[in-house]
């Protein structure tokens, strides 16, 4: 079922952007750049476009918000048995333009249960080249690698996933205080398992990068001085901003 565009949050790393729904599904992502063919395209075709979803197994409702002053997205799920939060971001380094152009193309998802217990489900179903290329999934002990169109996309989950018809799935039960990192990386050789310390450092660097944007990212303002948003994509020397989400 197609979602309203207002149901999506947007994250980016100045190379590309991802659209993440209130249901925890990444329905649009082009890698390595915003004008590259999509790897997730359910936004345009929810039947075969491809997506990566994390959500409770049981009935839920959800809300989303950004960490203040950042492009770090948080989705809060509430079920009858507990509360689960997903934090999504694409790392942006605190570096010069030359280094920024060479940074890895990756996306982190941090899943944590804040209250009670939640049964969570992960679905990984990428489709390369706008779903026109054949996509093959290879299972590994620490995740899965997807290949197609001469490209690869690695999901590091820390455990083996069930693969059927080029779709990888997993379910797990989490209790209050438990958490899990998921890591998507473009053109990596194989899943290495999420590196918790590296993930936390990436989150902190990205947070600081956005919070210090007064120096690194020029704020864009409209009439009456209202700030319109934060930059999520950089192309041809120009910054592209979110539309007043912050």
C-alpha atoms as a PDB file:
ATOM      1  CA  UNK A   1       0.000   0.000   0.000  1.00  0.00           C
ATOM      2  CA  UNK A   2       1.359   3.410  -0.956  1.00  0.00           C
ATOM      3  CA  UNK A   3       1.969   5.979   1.762  1.00  0.00           C
ATOM      4  CA  UNK A   4       1.315   9.691   1.781  1.00  0.00           C
ATOM      5  CA  UNK A   5       4.468  11.697   1.155  1.00  0.00           C
ATOM      6  CA  UNK A   6       3.851  13.374   4.529  1.00  0.00           C
ATOM      7  CA  UNK A   7       4.380   9.964   6.170  1.00  0.00           C
ATOM      8  CA  UNK A   8       8.056  10.013   5.196  1.00  0.00           C
ATOM      9  CA  UNK A   9      11.099  11.422   6.916  1.00  0.00           C
ATOM     10  CA  UNK A  10      14.246  12.220   4.974  1.00  0.00           C
ATOM     11  CA  UNK A  11      17.868  11.512   5.883  1.00  0.00           C
ATOM     12  CA  UNK A  12      20.957  12.208   3.814  1.00  0.00           C
ATOM     13  CA  UNK A  13      24.752  12.376   3.713  1.00  0.00           C
ATOM     14  CA  UNK A  14      25.275  15.169   1.132  1.00  0.00           C
ATOM     15  CA  UNK A  15      25.661  12.515  -1.595  1.00  0.00           C
ATOM     16  CA  UNK A  16      22.208  10.960  -1.571  1.00  0.00           C
ATOM     17  CA  UNK A  17      19.005  10.786   0.457  1.00  0.00           C
ATOM     18  CA  UNK A  18      16.727   8.090   1.859  1.00  0.00           C
ATOM     19  CA  UNK A  19      12.989   8.315   2.512  1.00  0.00           C
ATOM     20  CA  UNK A  20      11.879   6.467   5.643  1.00  0.00           C
ATOM     21  CA  UNK A  21       8.198   5.819   6.354  1.00  0.00           C
ATOM     22  CA  UNK A  22       6.343   5.913   9.650  1.00  0.00           C
ATOM     23  CA  UNK A  23       6.215   2.116   9.357  1.00  0.00           C
ATOM     24  CA  UNK A  24      10.014   1.902   9.570  1.00  0.00           C
ATOM     25  CA  UNK A  25      10.460   1.121   5.881  1.00  0.00           C
ATOM     26  CA  UNK A  26      13.159   2.706   3.723  1.00  0.00           C
ATOM     27  CA  UNK A  27      11.189   3.061   0.490  1.00  0.00           C
ATOM     28  CA  UNK A  28      13.603   5.190  -1.525  1.00  0.00           C
ATOM     29  CA  UNK A  29      17.394   5.214  -1.716  1.00  0.00           C
ATOM     30  CA  UNK A  30      19.747   5.738  -4.633  1.00  0.00           C
ATOM     31  CA  UNK A  31      23.416   4.833  -4.221  1.00  0.00           C
ATOM     32  CA  UNK A  32      26.094   6.011  -4.355  1.00  0.00           C
ATOM     33  CA  UNK A  33      24.623   9.356  -5.480  1.00  0.00           C
ATOM     34  CA  UNK A  34      21.189  10.931  -5.655  1.00  0.00           C
ATOM     35  CA  UNK A  35      21.105  10.559  -9.453  1.00  0.00           C
ATOM     36  CA  UNK A  36      22.211   6.901  -9.352  1.00  0.00           C
ATOM     37  CA  UNK A  37      19.670   4.128  -9.987  1.00  0.00           C
ATOM     38  CA  UNK A  38      17.628   3.155  -6.925  1.00  0.00           C
ATOM     39  CA  UNK A  39      18.347   0.218  -4.645  1.00  0.00           C
ATOM     40  CA  UNK A  40      15.064   0.737  -2.758  1.00  0.00           C
ATOM     41  CA  UNK A  41      12.171   1.979  -4.874  1.00  0.00           C
ATOM     42  CA  UNK A  42       8.923   0.996  -3.139  1.00  0.00           C
ATOM     43  CA  UNK A  43       8.007   4.675  -3.175  1.00  0.00           C
ATOM     44  CA  UNK A  44       7.268   4.261  -6.890  1.00  0.00           C
ATOM     45  CA  UNK A  45       6.302   0.570  -6.993  1.00  0.00           C
ATOM     46  CA  UNK A  46       5.351  -1.003  -3.681  1.00  0.00           C
ATOM     47  CA  UNK A  47       5.138  -4.437  -5.278  1.00  0.00           C
ATOM     48  CA  UNK A  48       8.594  -4.817  -6.753  1.00  0.00           C
ATOM     49  CA  UNK A  49      10.498  -1.588  -6.111  1.00  0.00           C
ATOM     50  CA  UNK A  50      12.365  -2.880  -3.050  1.00  0.00           C
ATOM     51  CA  UNK A  51      12.663  -1.705   0.556  1.00  0.00           C
ATOM     52  CA  UNK A  52      14.289  -2.311   3.944  1.00  0.00           C
ATOM     53  CA  UNK A  53      11.898  -2.433   6.868  1.00  0.00           C
ATOM     54  CA  UNK A  54      12.139  -2.731  10.649  1.00  0.00           C
ATOM     55  CA  UNK A  55       8.885  -2.744  12.613  1.00  0.00           C
ATOM     56  CA  UNK A  56       7.047  -4.559  15.405  1.00  0.00           C
ATOM     57  CA  UNK A  57       5.428  -7.876  14.512  1.00  0.00           C
ATOM     58  CA  UNK A  58       2.319  -7.077  16.542  1.00  0.00           C
ATOM     59  CA  UNK A  59      -0.177  -4.269  16.003  1.00  0.00           C
ATOM     60  CA  UNK A  60       1.381  -0.849  16.512  1.00  0.00           C
ATOM     61  CA  UNK A  61       1.086   2.891  16.032  1.00  0.00           C
ATOM     62  CA  UNK A  62       4.004   5.245  15.472  1.00  0.00           C
ATOM     63  CA  UNK A  63       5.277   8.799  15.449  1.00  0.00           C
ATOM     64  CA  UNK A  64       8.505  10.297  14.141  1.00  0.00           C
ATOM     65  CA  UNK A  65      10.702  13.262  14.909  1.00  0.00           C
ATOM     66  CA  UNK A  66      14.228  14.496  14.351  1.00  0.00           C
ATOM     67  CA  UNK A  67      16.859  15.060  16.964  1.00  0.00           C
ATOM     68  CA  UNK A  68      16.677  18.841  17.396  1.00  0.00           C
ATOM     69  CA  UNK A  69      18.821  20.661  14.886  1.00  0.00           C
ATOM     70  CA  UNK A  70      19.914  17.490  13.090  1.00  0.00           C
ATOM     71  CA  UNK A  71      18.966  15.213  10.218  1.00  0.00           C
ATOM     72  CA  UNK A  72      18.887  12.185  12.536  1.00  0.00           C
ATOM     73  CA  UNK A  73      15.437  10.596  12.337  1.00  0.00           C
ATOM     74  CA  UNK A  74      13.724   8.776  15.202  1.00  0.00           C
ATOM     75  CA  UNK A  75      10.605   6.619  14.812  1.00  0.00           C
ATOM     76  CA  UNK A  76       8.733   5.613  17.956  1.00  0.00           C
ATOM     77  CA  UNK A  77       6.578   2.465  17.828  1.00  0.00           C
ATOM     78  CA  UNK A  78       4.031   1.684  20.525  1.00  0.00           C
ATOM     79  CA  UNK A  79       2.541  -1.770  20.898  1.00  0.00           C
ATOM     80  CA  UNK A  80       0.403  -3.342  23.605  1.00  0.00           C
ATOM     81  CA  UNK A  81       3.502  -4.836  25.193  1.00  0.00           C
ATOM     82  CA  UNK A  82       6.133  -2.137  24.835  1.00  0.00           C
ATOM     83  CA  UNK A  83       7.750   0.836  23.127  1.00  0.00           C
ATOM     84  CA  UNK A  84      10.461   0.537  20.471  1.00  0.00           C
ATOM     85  CA  UNK A  85      12.502   3.325  18.897  1.00  0.00           C
ATOM     86  CA  UNK A  86      14.466   3.275  15.644  1.00  0.00           C
ATOM     87  CA  UNK A  87      17.143   5.889  15.025  1.00  0.00           C
ATOM     88  CA  UNK A  88      18.120   6.287  11.346  1.00  0.00           C
ATOM     89  CA  UNK A  89      20.975   8.331   9.927  1.00  0.00           C
ATOM     90  CA  UNK A  90      23.492   8.462   7.104  1.00  0.00           C
ATOM     91  CA  UNK A  91      26.921   9.431   8.470  1.00  0.00           C
ATOM     92  CA  UNK A  92      28.256  12.859   7.550  1.00  0.00           C
ATOM     93  CA  UNK A  93      31.870  13.456   8.495  1.00  0.00           C
ATOM     94  CA  UNK A  94      33.281  16.659   9.960  1.00  0.00           C
ATOM     95  CA  UNK A  95      35.772  17.102   7.165  1.00  0.00           C
ATOM     96  CA  UNK A  96      36.624  19.139   4.120  1.00  0.00           C
ATOM     97  CA  UNK A  97      34.956  18.779   0.737  1.00  0.00           C
ATOM     98  CA  UNK A  98      37.804  16.650  -0.648  1.00  0.00           C
ATOM     99  CA  UNK A  99      37.445  14.043   2.113  1.00  0.00           C
ATOM    100  CA  UNK A 100      33.641  14.275   2.032  1.00  0.00           C
ATOM    101  CA  UNK A 101      33.627  13.217  -1.614  1.00  0.00           C
ATOM    102  CA  UNK A 102      35.485  10.017  -0.682  1.00  0.00           C
ATOM    103  CA  UNK A 103      33.444   9.029   2.361  1.00  0.00           C
ATOM    104  CA  UNK A 104      31.737   5.664   2.532  1.00  0.00           C
ATOM    105  CA  UNK A 105      28.113   5.390   1.456  1.00  0.00           C
ATOM    106  CA  UNK A 106      26.349   3.850   4.409  1.00  0.00           C
ATOM    107  CA  UNK A 107      23.242   4.003   6.568  1.00  0.00           C
ATOM    108  CA  UNK A 108      22.769   3.017  10.194  1.00  0.00           C
ATOM    109  CA  UNK A 109      19.622   1.863  11.980  1.00  0.00           C
ATOM    110  CA  UNK A 110      19.655   1.672  15.779  1.00  0.00           C
ATOM    111  CA  UNK A 111      16.804  -0.367  17.236  1.00  0.00           C
ATOM    112  CA  UNK A 112      16.097  -0.165  20.961  1.00  0.00           C
ATOM    113  CA  UNK A 113      13.273  -1.085  23.308  1.00  0.00           C
ATOM    114  CA  UNK A 114      12.483   1.659  25.804  1.00  0.00           C
ATOM    115  CA  UNK A 115       9.706  -0.073  27.703  1.00  0.00           C
ATOM    116  CA  UNK A 116       8.308  -3.596  28.056  1.00  0.00           C
ATOM    117  CA  UNK A 117       8.892  -6.173  25.304  1.00  0.00           C
ATOM    118  CA  UNK A 118       8.606  -5.930  21.536  1.00  0.00           C
ATOM    119  CA  UNK A 119       8.801  -8.602  18.849  1.00  0.00           C
ATOM    120  CA  UNK A 120      10.573  -6.972  15.905  1.00  0.00           C
ATOM    121  CA  UNK A 121      10.747  -7.982  12.246  1.00  0.00           C
ATOM    122  CA  UNK A 122      13.451  -7.081   9.726  1.00  0.00           C
ATOM    123  CA  UNK A 123      12.811  -7.355   5.985  1.00  0.00           C
ATOM    124  CA  UNK A 124      15.601  -6.648   3.478  1.00  0.00           C
ATOM    125  CA  UNK A 125      14.489  -6.646  -0.150  1.00  0.00           C
ATOM    126  CA  UNK A 126      16.721  -4.460  -2.351  1.00  0.00           C
ATOM    127  CA  UNK A 127      16.111  -4.135  -6.083  1.00  0.00           C
ATOM    128  CA  UNK A 128      18.887  -2.649  -8.185  1.00  0.00           C
ATOM    129  CA  UNK A 129      18.498  -0.275 -11.125  1.00  0.00           C
ATOM    130  CA  UNK A 130      14.877   0.678 -10.438  1.00  0.00           C
ATOM    131  CA  UNK A 131      14.021  -3.040 -10.063  1.00  0.00           C
ATOM    132  CA  UNK A 132      15.058  -3.706 -13.662  1.00  0.00           C
ATOM    133  CA  UNK A 133      18.194  -5.675 -12.786  1.00  0.00           C
ATOM    134  CA  UNK A 134      18.187  -9.172 -11.328  1.00  0.00           C
ATOM    135  CA  UNK A 135      19.026  -9.040  -7.624  1.00  0.00           C
ATOM    136  CA  UNK A 136      20.667 -12.004  -5.886  1.00  0.00           C
ATOM    137  CA  UNK A 137      21.063 -12.342  -2.115  1.00  0.00           C
ATOM    138  CA  UNK A 138      23.898 -14.280  -0.498  1.00  0.00           C
ATOM    139  CA  UNK A 139      23.548 -15.250   3.141  1.00  0.00           C
ATOM    140  CA  UNK A 140      26.401 -14.891   5.632  1.00  0.00           C
ATOM    141  CA  UNK A 141      26.719 -15.590   9.341  1.00  0.00           C
ATOM    142  CA  UNK A 142      26.624 -11.883  10.156  1.00  0.00           C
ATOM    143  CA  UNK A 143      24.151 -10.641   7.561  1.00  0.00           C
ATOM    144  CA  UNK A 144      23.528 -10.708   3.831  1.00  0.00           C
ATOM    145  CA  UNK A 145      24.999  -9.263   0.653  1.00  0.00           C
ATOM    146  CA  UNK A 146      22.854  -8.243  -2.316  1.00  0.00           C
ATOM    147  CA  UNK A 147      24.305  -8.151  -5.833  1.00  0.00           C
ATOM    148  CA  UNK A 148      22.919  -6.899  -9.116  1.00  0.00           C
ATOM    149  CA  UNK A 149      23.597  -4.466 -11.951  1.00  0.00           C
ATOM    150  CA  UNK A 150      27.327  -4.770 -11.208  1.00  0.00           C
ATOM    151  CA  UNK A 151      26.745  -3.362  -7.712  1.00  0.00           C
ATOM    152  CA  UNK A 152      26.544  -4.698  -4.184  1.00  0.00           C
ATOM    153  CA  UNK A 153      24.786  -3.678  -0.978  1.00  0.00           C
ATOM    154  CA  UNK A 154      25.704  -5.268   2.340  1.00  0.00           C
ATOM    155  CA  UNK A 155      23.429  -5.528   5.368  1.00  0.00           C
ATOM    156  CA  UNK A 156      25.298  -6.298   8.585  1.00  0.00           C
ATOM    157  CA  UNK A 157      22.871  -7.523  11.211  1.00  0.00           C
ATOM    158  CA  UNK A 158      25.106  -9.556  13.520  1.00  0.00           C
ATOM    159  CA  UNK A 159      23.316 -12.826  12.758  1.00  0.00           C
ATOM    160  CA  UNK A 160      22.170 -14.969   9.857  1.00  0.00           C
ATOM    161  CA  UNK A 161      18.936 -14.024   8.082  1.00  0.00           C
ATOM    162  CA  UNK A 162      16.395 -16.289   6.435  1.00  0.00           C
ATOM    163  CA  UNK A 163      16.518 -15.884   2.644  1.00  0.00           C
ATOM    164  CA  UNK A 164      13.696 -16.823   0.304  1.00  0.00           C
ATOM    165  CA  UNK A 165      13.162 -15.597  -3.274  1.00  0.00           C
ATOM    166  CA  UNK A 166      15.729 -12.807  -2.909  1.00  0.00           C
ATOM    167  CA  UNK A 167      14.153 -11.518   0.263  1.00  0.00           C
ATOM    168  CA  UNK A 168      15.897 -11.703   3.649  1.00  0.00           C
ATOM    169  CA  UNK A 169      13.969 -11.714   6.910  1.00  0.00           C
ATOM    170  CA  UNK A 170      14.523 -12.078  10.625  1.00  0.00           C
ATOM    171  CA  UNK A 171      12.467 -11.765  13.788  1.00  0.00           C
ATOM    172  CA  UNK A 172      13.671 -11.289  17.316  1.00  0.00           C
ATOM    173  CA  UNK A 173      12.238 -10.490  20.720  1.00  0.00           C
ATOM    174  CA  UNK A 174      13.698  -7.541  22.576  1.00  0.00           C
ATOM    175  CA  UNK A 175      13.140  -6.499  26.175  1.00  0.00           C
ATOM    176  CA  UNK A 176      13.454  -3.143  27.862  1.00  0.00           C
ATOM    177  CA  UNK A 177      17.029  -1.860  27.682  1.00  0.00           C
ATOM    178  CA  UNK A 178      18.068  -4.141  24.806  1.00  0.00           C
ATOM    179  CA  UNK A 179      19.261  -2.687  21.517  1.00  0.00           C
ATOM    180  CA  UNK A 180      20.594  -3.689  18.117  1.00  0.00           C
ATOM    181  CA  UNK A 181      22.585  -1.941  15.378  1.00  0.00           C
ATOM    182  CA  UNK A 182      21.943  -2.576  11.678  1.00  0.00           C
ATOM    183  CA  UNK A 183      24.372  -1.299   9.058  1.00  0.00           C
ATOM    184  CA  UNK A 184      23.851  -0.852   5.312  1.00  0.00           C
ATOM    185  CA  UNK A 185      26.954  -0.269   3.204  1.00  0.00           C
ATOM    186  CA  UNK A 186      27.366   0.177  -0.535  1.00  0.00           C
ATOM    187  CA  UNK A 187      30.090  -1.802  -2.315  1.00  0.00           C
ATOM    188  CA  UNK A 188      31.477  -3.608   0.736  1.00  0.00           C
ATOM    189  CA  UNK A 189      32.803  -7.136   0.265  1.00  0.00           C
ATOM    190  CA  UNK A 190      30.776  -8.945   2.934  1.00  0.00           C
ATOM    191  CA  UNK A 191      28.931  -8.415   6.231  1.00  0.00           C
ATOM    192  CA  UNK A 192      31.313  -7.850   9.115  1.00  0.00           C
ATOM    193  CA  UNK A 193      28.691  -7.531  11.813  1.00  0.00           C
ATOM    194  CA  UNK A 194      27.722  -4.090  13.132  1.00  0.00           C
ATOM    195  CA  UNK A 195      30.652  -2.499  14.962  1.00  0.00           C
ATOM    196  CA  UNK A 196      28.937  -0.944  17.976  1.00  0.00           C
ATOM    197  CA  UNK A 197      31.776   1.420  18.836  1.00  0.00           C
ATOM    198  CA  UNK A 198      32.143   2.598  15.235  1.00  0.00           C
ATOM    199  CA  UNK A 199      28.381   3.066  14.947  1.00  0.00           C
ATOM    200  CA  UNK A 200      28.238   5.145  18.120  1.00  0.00           C
ATOM    201  CA  UNK A 201      31.170   7.269  16.942  1.00  0.00           C
ATOM    202  CA  UNK A 202      29.454   7.815  13.582  1.00  0.00           C
ATOM    203  CA  UNK A 203      26.264   8.878  15.328  1.00  0.00           C
ATOM    204  CA  UNK A 204      28.131  11.310  17.559  1.00  0.00           C
ATOM    205  CA  UNK A 205      30.134  12.776  14.652  1.00  0.00           C
ATOM    206  CA  UNK A 206      27.004  13.190  12.563  1.00  0.00           C
ATOM    207  CA  UNK A 207      25.190  14.837  15.472  1.00  0.00           C
ATOM    208  CA  UNK A 208      28.055  17.257  16.018  1.00  0.00           C
ATOM    209  CA  UNK A 209      28.328  17.951  12.294  1.00  0.00           C
ATOM    210  CA  UNK A 210      24.726  19.120  12.104  1.00  0.00           C
ATOM    211  CA  UNK A 211      24.783  20.970  15.406  1.00  0.00           C
ATOM    212  CA  UNK A 212      27.848  22.918  14.317  1.00  0.00           C
ATOM    213  CA  UNK A 213      26.317  23.814  10.958  1.00  0.00           C
ATOM    214  CA  UNK A 214      26.604  27.492  11.832  1.00  0.00           C
ATOM    215  CA  UNK A 215      30.225  27.047  10.794  1.00  0.00           C
ATOM    216  CA  UNK A 216      30.132  24.115   8.386  1.00  0.00           C
ATOM    217  CA  UNK A 217      26.625  24.360   6.883  1.00  0.00           C
ATOM    218  CA  UNK A 218      25.256  27.773   5.992  1.00  0.00           C
ATOM    219  CA  UNK A 219      21.702  28.061   7.319  1.00  0.00           C
ATOM    220  CA  UNK A 220      19.130  28.757   4.646  1.00  0.00           C
ATOM    221  CA  UNK A 221      16.424  31.244   5.577  1.00  0.00           C
ATOM    222  CA  UNK A 222      13.291  32.389   3.857  1.00  0.00           C
ATOM    223  CA  UNK A 223      11.258  35.532   4.263  1.00  0.00           C
ATOM    224  CA  UNK A 224      11.034  36.971   7.800  1.00  0.00           C
ATOM    225  CA  UNK A 225      14.240  35.104   8.650  1.00  0.00           C
ATOM    226  CA  UNK A 226      12.586  31.711   9.165  1.00  0.00           C
ATOM    227  CA  UNK A 227      15.049  28.865   8.763  1.00  0.00           C
ATOM    228  CA  UNK A 228      13.888  26.502   6.024  1.00  0.00           C
ATOM    229  CA  UNK A 229      15.811  23.391   6.945  1.00  0.00           C
ATOM    230  CA  UNK A 230      19.123  21.512   6.991  1.00  0.00           C
ATOM    231  CA  UNK A 231      21.230  20.390   4.032  1.00  0.00           C
ATOM    232  CA  UNK A 232      20.928  16.716   3.087  1.00  0.00           C
ATOM    233  CA  UNK A 233      22.474  16.690  -0.383  1.00  0.00           C
ATOM    234  CA  UNK A 234      25.290  18.496  -2.136  1.00  0.00           C
ATOM    235  CA  UNK A 235      25.480  18.622  -5.928  1.00  0.00           C
ATOM    236  CA  UNK A 236      27.578  20.708  -8.280  1.00  0.00           C
ATOM    237  CA  UNK A 237      28.870  22.773  -5.383  1.00  0.00           C
ATOM    238  CA  UNK A 238      25.357  23.580  -4.131  1.00  0.00           C
ATOM    239  CA  UNK A 239      23.564  22.503  -0.959  1.00  0.00           C
ATOM    240  CA  UNK A 240      19.998  21.184  -1.056  1.00  0.00           C
ATOM    241  CA  UNK A 241      17.897  21.599   2.065  1.00  0.00           C
ATOM    242  CA  UNK A 242      14.992  19.915   3.773  1.00  0.00           C
ATOM    243  CA  UNK A 243      11.816  21.978   3.637  1.00  0.00           C
ATOM    244  CA  UNK A 244      11.367  23.379   7.112  1.00  0.00           C
ATOM    245  CA  UNK A 245      11.302  20.090   9.008  1.00  0.00           C
ATOM    246  CA  UNK A 246      13.442  21.387  11.837  1.00  0.00           C
END
